[in-house]
Amino acid sequence: MIKLDIVNAVVNKTGVSRTKAEQAVETVFGAMKSALGKGERIELRRFGVFNVRPRKTGIGRNPRTGQEVSIPPGKAVRFKPGKELQTL
């Protein structure tokens, strides 16, 4: 499923115009991006939880040369599904 499928589902379910549905979907995704960018937790009841966790430093390998490369610390978005989503 891609973003266009979500927009089409909103249009079919609500009957609003395509442009308004696109704006609504973009607004929701934009709000989620900005919240995760601030390190906030997003909890969608009966769906799941998105949160940002720190990622450790590590050592990886360049697949072409086999040379070791140091991986800097960073942040990663994690998703934990809710109970209803796990039963699918």
N, C-alpha and C. Protein backbone atom coordinates (compact mmCIF):
# COMPACT_ATOMS: atom_id res chain seq x y z
N MET A 1 0.84 -1.17 0.00
CA MET A 1 0.00 0.00 0.00
C MET A 1 0.89 1.24 0.00
N ILE A 2 0.52 2.20 -0.82
CA ILE A 2 1.26 3.45 -0.89
C ILE A 2 0.35 4.59 -0.46
N LYS A 3 0.93 5.78 -0.37
CA LYS A 3 0.17 6.94 0.09
C LYS A 3 -1.05 7.20 -0.78
N LEU A 4 -0.94 6.99 -2.08
CA LEU A 4 -2.06 7.20 -2.99
C LEU A 4 -3.23 6.28 -2.64
N ASP A 5 -2.94 5.05 -2.23
CA ASP A 5 -4.00 4.13 -1.81
C ASP A 5 -4.73 4.65 -0.57
N ILE A 6 -4.00 5.26 0.34
CA ILE A 6 -4.62 5.82 1.53
C ILE A 6 -5.51 7.00 1.15
N VAL A 7 -5.02 7.85 0.25
CA VAL A 7 -5.82 8.99 -0.23
C VAL A 7 -7.09 8.49 -0.90
N ASN A 8 -6.98 7.48 -1.74
CA ASN A 8 -8.16 6.92 -2.42
C ASN A 8 -9.15 6.33 -1.41
N ALA A 9 -8.66 5.69 -0.37
CA ALA A 9 -9.54 5.13 0.65
C ALA A 9 -10.30 6.24 1.38
N VAL A 10 -9.62 7.36 1.66
CA VAL A 10 -10.28 8.49 2.31
C VAL A 10 -11.35 9.07 1.40
N VAL A 11 -11.04 9.20 0.12
CA VAL A 11 -12.02 9.73 -0.85
C VAL A 11 -13.23 8.82 -0.93
N ASN A 12 -13.01 7.52 -1.03
CA ASN A 12 -14.12 6.57 -1.16
C ASN A 12 -14.96 6.48 0.11
N LYS A 13 -14.32 6.56 1.26
CA LYS A 13 -15.03 6.40 2.53
C LYS A 13 -15.81 7.65 2.92
N THR A 14 -15.23 8.84 2.66
CA THR A 14 -15.84 10.08 3.13
C THR A 14 -16.56 10.87 2.05
N GLY A 15 -16.16 10.69 0.80
CA GLY A 15 -16.78 11.44 -0.27
C GLY A 15 -16.22 12.84 -0.46
N VAL A 16 -15.14 13.18 0.24
CA VAL A 16 -14.52 14.50 0.06
C VAL A 16 -13.73 14.51 -1.24
N SER A 17 -13.35 15.70 -1.70
CA SER A 17 -12.60 15.79 -2.95
C SER A 17 -11.20 15.22 -2.77
N ARG A 18 -10.59 14.87 -3.88
CA ARG A 18 -9.25 14.27 -3.85
C ARG A 18 -8.23 15.24 -3.27
N THR A 19 -8.33 16.52 -3.60
CA THR A 19 -7.35 17.49 -3.09
C THR A 19 -7.46 17.64 -1.58
N LYS A 20 -8.69 17.64 -1.05
CA LYS A 20 -8.86 17.74 0.40
C LYS A 20 -8.37 16.48 1.10
N ALA A 21 -8.59 15.33 0.47
CA ALA A 21 -8.11 14.08 1.05
C ALA A 21 -6.58 14.06 1.05
N GLU A 22 -5.95 14.53 -0.03
CA GLU A 22 -4.49 14.59 -0.08
C GLU A 22 -3.95 15.52 0.99
N GLN A 23 -4.61 16.67 1.19
CA GLN A 23 -4.18 17.61 2.22
C GLN A 23 -4.31 16.99 3.60
N ALA A 24 -5.39 16.25 3.83
CA ALA A 24 -5.60 15.62 5.14
C ALA A 24 -4.52 14.58 5.42
N VAL A 25 -4.24 13.74 4.43
CA VAL A 25 -3.22 12.69 4.61
C VAL A 25 -1.84 13.32 4.81
N GLU A 26 -1.52 14.34 4.02
CA GLU A 26 -0.23 15.02 4.16
C GLU A 26 -0.11 15.70 5.53
N THR A 27 -1.21 16.26 6.02
CA THR A 27 -1.19 16.91 7.33
C THR A 27 -0.93 15.90 8.43
N VAL A 28 -1.58 14.75 8.36
CA VAL A 28 -1.38 13.71 9.37
C VAL A 28 0.07 13.21 9.35
N PHE A 29 0.58 12.92 8.15
CA PHE A 29 1.95 12.43 8.05
C PHE A 29 2.95 13.50 8.47
N GLY A 30 2.69 14.75 8.14
CA GLY A 30 3.57 15.85 8.54
C GLY A 30 3.62 16.01 10.05
N ALA A 31 2.45 15.89 10.68
CA ALA A 31 2.40 15.99 12.15
C ALA A 31 3.16 14.83 12.79
N MET A 32 3.05 13.64 12.21
CA MET A 32 3.78 12.49 12.74
C MET A 32 5.28 12.68 12.58
N LYS A 33 5.72 13.18 11.42
CA LYS A 33 7.15 13.41 11.19
C LYS A 33 7.71 14.42 12.17
N SER A 34 6.98 15.52 12.38
CA SER A 34 7.51 16.55 13.27
C SER A 34 7.54 16.05 14.72
N ALA A 35 6.54 15.28 15.13
CA ALA A 35 6.55 14.74 16.49
C ALA A 35 7.71 13.77 16.69
N LEU A 36 7.94 12.90 15.71
CA LEU A 36 9.06 11.96 15.83
C LEU A 36 10.39 12.70 15.77
N GLY A 37 10.45 13.78 14.98
CA GLY A 37 11.67 14.59 14.91
C GLY A 37 12.02 15.22 16.24
N LYS A 38 10.99 15.52 17.05
CA LYS A 38 11.21 16.09 18.39
C LYS A 38 11.48 15.01 19.42
N GLY A 39 11.40 13.74 19.00
CA GLY A 39 11.63 12.64 19.93
C GLY A 39 10.40 12.22 20.71
N GLU A 40 9.23 12.70 20.28
CA GLU A 40 8.00 12.36 20.98
C GLU A 40 7.50 10.97 20.58
N ARG A 41 6.65 10.42 21.41
CA ARG A 41 6.06 9.10 21.20
C ARG A 41 4.68 9.30 20.57
N ILE A 42 4.34 8.51 19.56
CA ILE A 42 3.03 8.57 18.92
C ILE A 42 2.29 7.28 19.24
N GLU A 43 1.17 7.40 19.91
CA GLU A 43 0.37 6.24 20.28
C GLU A 43 -0.98 6.31 19.57
N LEU A 44 -1.25 5.34 18.73
CA LEU A 44 -2.53 5.23 18.04
C LEU A 44 -3.25 4.03 18.62
N ARG A 45 -4.27 4.28 19.42
CA ARG A 45 -4.97 3.21 20.13
C ARG A 45 -5.46 2.15 19.15
N ARG A 46 -5.33 0.90 19.55
CA ARG A 46 -5.72 -0.29 18.79
C ARG A 46 -4.92 -0.47 17.50
N PHE A 47 -3.91 0.39 17.26
CA PHE A 47 -3.06 0.23 16.07
C PHE A 47 -1.63 -0.04 16.48
N GLY A 48 -1.02 0.87 17.25
CA GLY A 48 0.34 0.66 17.67
C GLY A 48 1.00 1.93 18.16
N VAL A 49 2.30 1.83 18.45
CA VAL A 49 3.07 2.94 19.00
C VAL A 49 4.33 3.13 18.17
N PHE A 50 4.59 4.39 17.78
CA PHE A 50 5.83 4.77 17.12
C PHE A 50 6.66 5.52 18.14
N ASN A 51 7.95 5.22 18.21
CA ASN A 51 8.84 6.00 19.07
C ASN A 51 10.24 6.01 18.47
N VAL A 52 11.04 6.95 18.96
CA VAL A 52 12.41 7.10 18.46
C VAL A 52 13.36 6.57 19.54
N ARG A 53 14.26 5.71 19.12
CA ARG A 53 15.24 5.14 20.05
C ARG A 53 16.65 5.41 19.53
N PRO A 54 17.58 5.57 20.45
CA PRO A 54 18.97 5.77 20.02
C PRO A 54 19.54 4.47 19.44
N ARG A 55 20.40 4.64 18.45
CA ARG A 55 21.05 3.49 17.83
C ARG A 55 22.53 3.53 18.22
N LYS A 56 23.06 2.38 18.57
CA LYS A 56 24.45 2.30 19.04
C LYS A 56 25.43 2.48 17.88
N THR A 57 26.65 2.79 18.25
CA THR A 57 27.72 2.80 17.26
C THR A 57 28.05 1.35 16.93
N GLY A 58 28.66 1.15 15.81
CA GLY A 58 29.00 -0.21 15.44
C GLY A 58 30.05 -0.23 14.36
N ILE A 59 30.39 -1.42 13.98
CA ILE A 59 31.35 -1.60 12.89
C ILE A 59 30.66 -2.43 11.81
N GLY A 60 30.65 -1.89 10.61
CA GLY A 60 30.07 -2.59 9.47
C GLY A 60 31.14 -2.89 8.45
N ARG A 61 30.72 -3.49 7.38
CA ARG A 61 31.65 -3.85 6.31
C ARG A 61 31.14 -3.34 4.98
N ASN A 62 32.06 -2.78 4.20
CA ASN A 62 31.73 -2.38 2.84
C ASN A 62 31.62 -3.66 2.02
N PRO A 63 30.43 -3.95 1.43
CA PRO A 63 30.27 -5.21 0.71
C PRO A 63 31.15 -5.33 -0.54
N ARG A 64 31.55 -4.22 -1.11
CA ARG A 64 32.39 -4.29 -2.32
C ARG A 64 33.84 -4.59 -2.00
N THR A 65 34.36 -3.91 -0.98
CA THR A 65 35.79 -4.06 -0.69
C THR A 65 36.08 -4.95 0.51
N GLY A 66 35.08 -5.16 1.36
CA GLY A 66 35.30 -5.94 2.57
C GLY A 66 35.96 -5.15 3.68
N GLN A 67 36.19 -3.87 3.44
CA GLN A 67 36.85 -3.01 4.42
C GLN A 67 35.89 -2.66 5.55
N GLU A 68 36.41 -2.63 6.78
CA GLU A 68 35.58 -2.28 7.93
C GLU A 68 35.30 -0.80 7.93
N VAL A 69 34.05 -0.46 8.27
CA VAL A 69 33.60 0.94 8.31
C VAL A 69 32.95 1.18 9.65
N SER A 70 33.27 2.31 10.27
CA SER A 70 32.64 2.64 11.55
C SER A 70 31.28 3.28 11.29
N ILE A 71 30.25 2.81 12.01
CA ILE A 71 28.89 3.33 11.88
C ILE A 71 28.63 4.26 13.06
N PRO A 72 28.32 5.54 12.78
CA PRO A 72 28.13 6.49 13.88
C PRO A 72 26.81 6.24 14.61
N PRO A 73 26.71 6.73 15.86
CA PRO A 73 25.44 6.59 16.58
C PRO A 73 24.37 7.45 15.91
N GLY A 74 23.14 7.05 16.06
CA GLY A 74 22.05 7.80 15.46
C GLY A 74 20.75 7.49 16.16
N LYS A 75 19.67 7.77 15.47
CA LYS A 75 18.34 7.51 16.01
C LYS A 75 17.57 6.68 14.99
N ALA A 76 16.69 5.82 15.48
CA ALA A 76 15.88 4.99 14.60
C ALA A 76 14.44 5.00 15.09
N VAL A 77 13.50 5.04 14.15
CA VAL A 77 12.08 4.99 14.49
C VAL A 77 11.68 3.53 14.63
N ARG A 78 11.01 3.22 15.71
CA ARG A 78 10.54 1.86 15.98
C ARG A 78 9.02 1.86 16.04
N PHE A 79 8.43 0.75 15.65
CA PHE A 79 6.98 0.59 15.70
C PHE A 79 6.65 -0.68 16.45
N LYS A 80 5.76 -0.57 17.41
CA LYS A 80 5.29 -1.73 18.15
C LYS A 80 3.79 -1.85 17.89
N PRO A 81 3.35 -2.91 17.24
CA PRO A 81 1.93 -3.04 16.91
C PRO A 81 1.06 -3.26 18.15
N GLY A 82 -0.18 -2.77 18.08
CA GLY A 82 -1.13 -2.98 19.14
C GLY A 82 -1.70 -4.38 19.10
N LYS A 83 -2.50 -4.73 20.11
CA LYS A 83 -3.05 -6.08 20.21
C LYS A 83 -3.95 -6.44 19.04
N GLU A 84 -4.79 -5.51 18.60
CA GLU A 84 -5.69 -5.81 17.47
C GLU A 84 -4.92 -6.02 16.18
N LEU A 85 -3.85 -5.29 15.98
CA LEU A 85 -3.04 -5.44 14.77
C LEU A 85 -2.26 -6.75 14.78
N GLN A 86 -1.87 -7.22 15.96
CA GLN A 86 -1.12 -8.47 16.06
C GLN A 86 -1.98 -9.68 15.74
N THR A 87 -3.29 -9.56 15.92
CA THR A 87 -4.16 -10.72 15.68
C THR A 87 -4.52 -10.92 14.22
N LEU A 88 -4.07 -10.05 13.33
CA LEU A 88 -4.40 -10.21 11.90
C LEU A 88 -3.70 -11.40 11.28
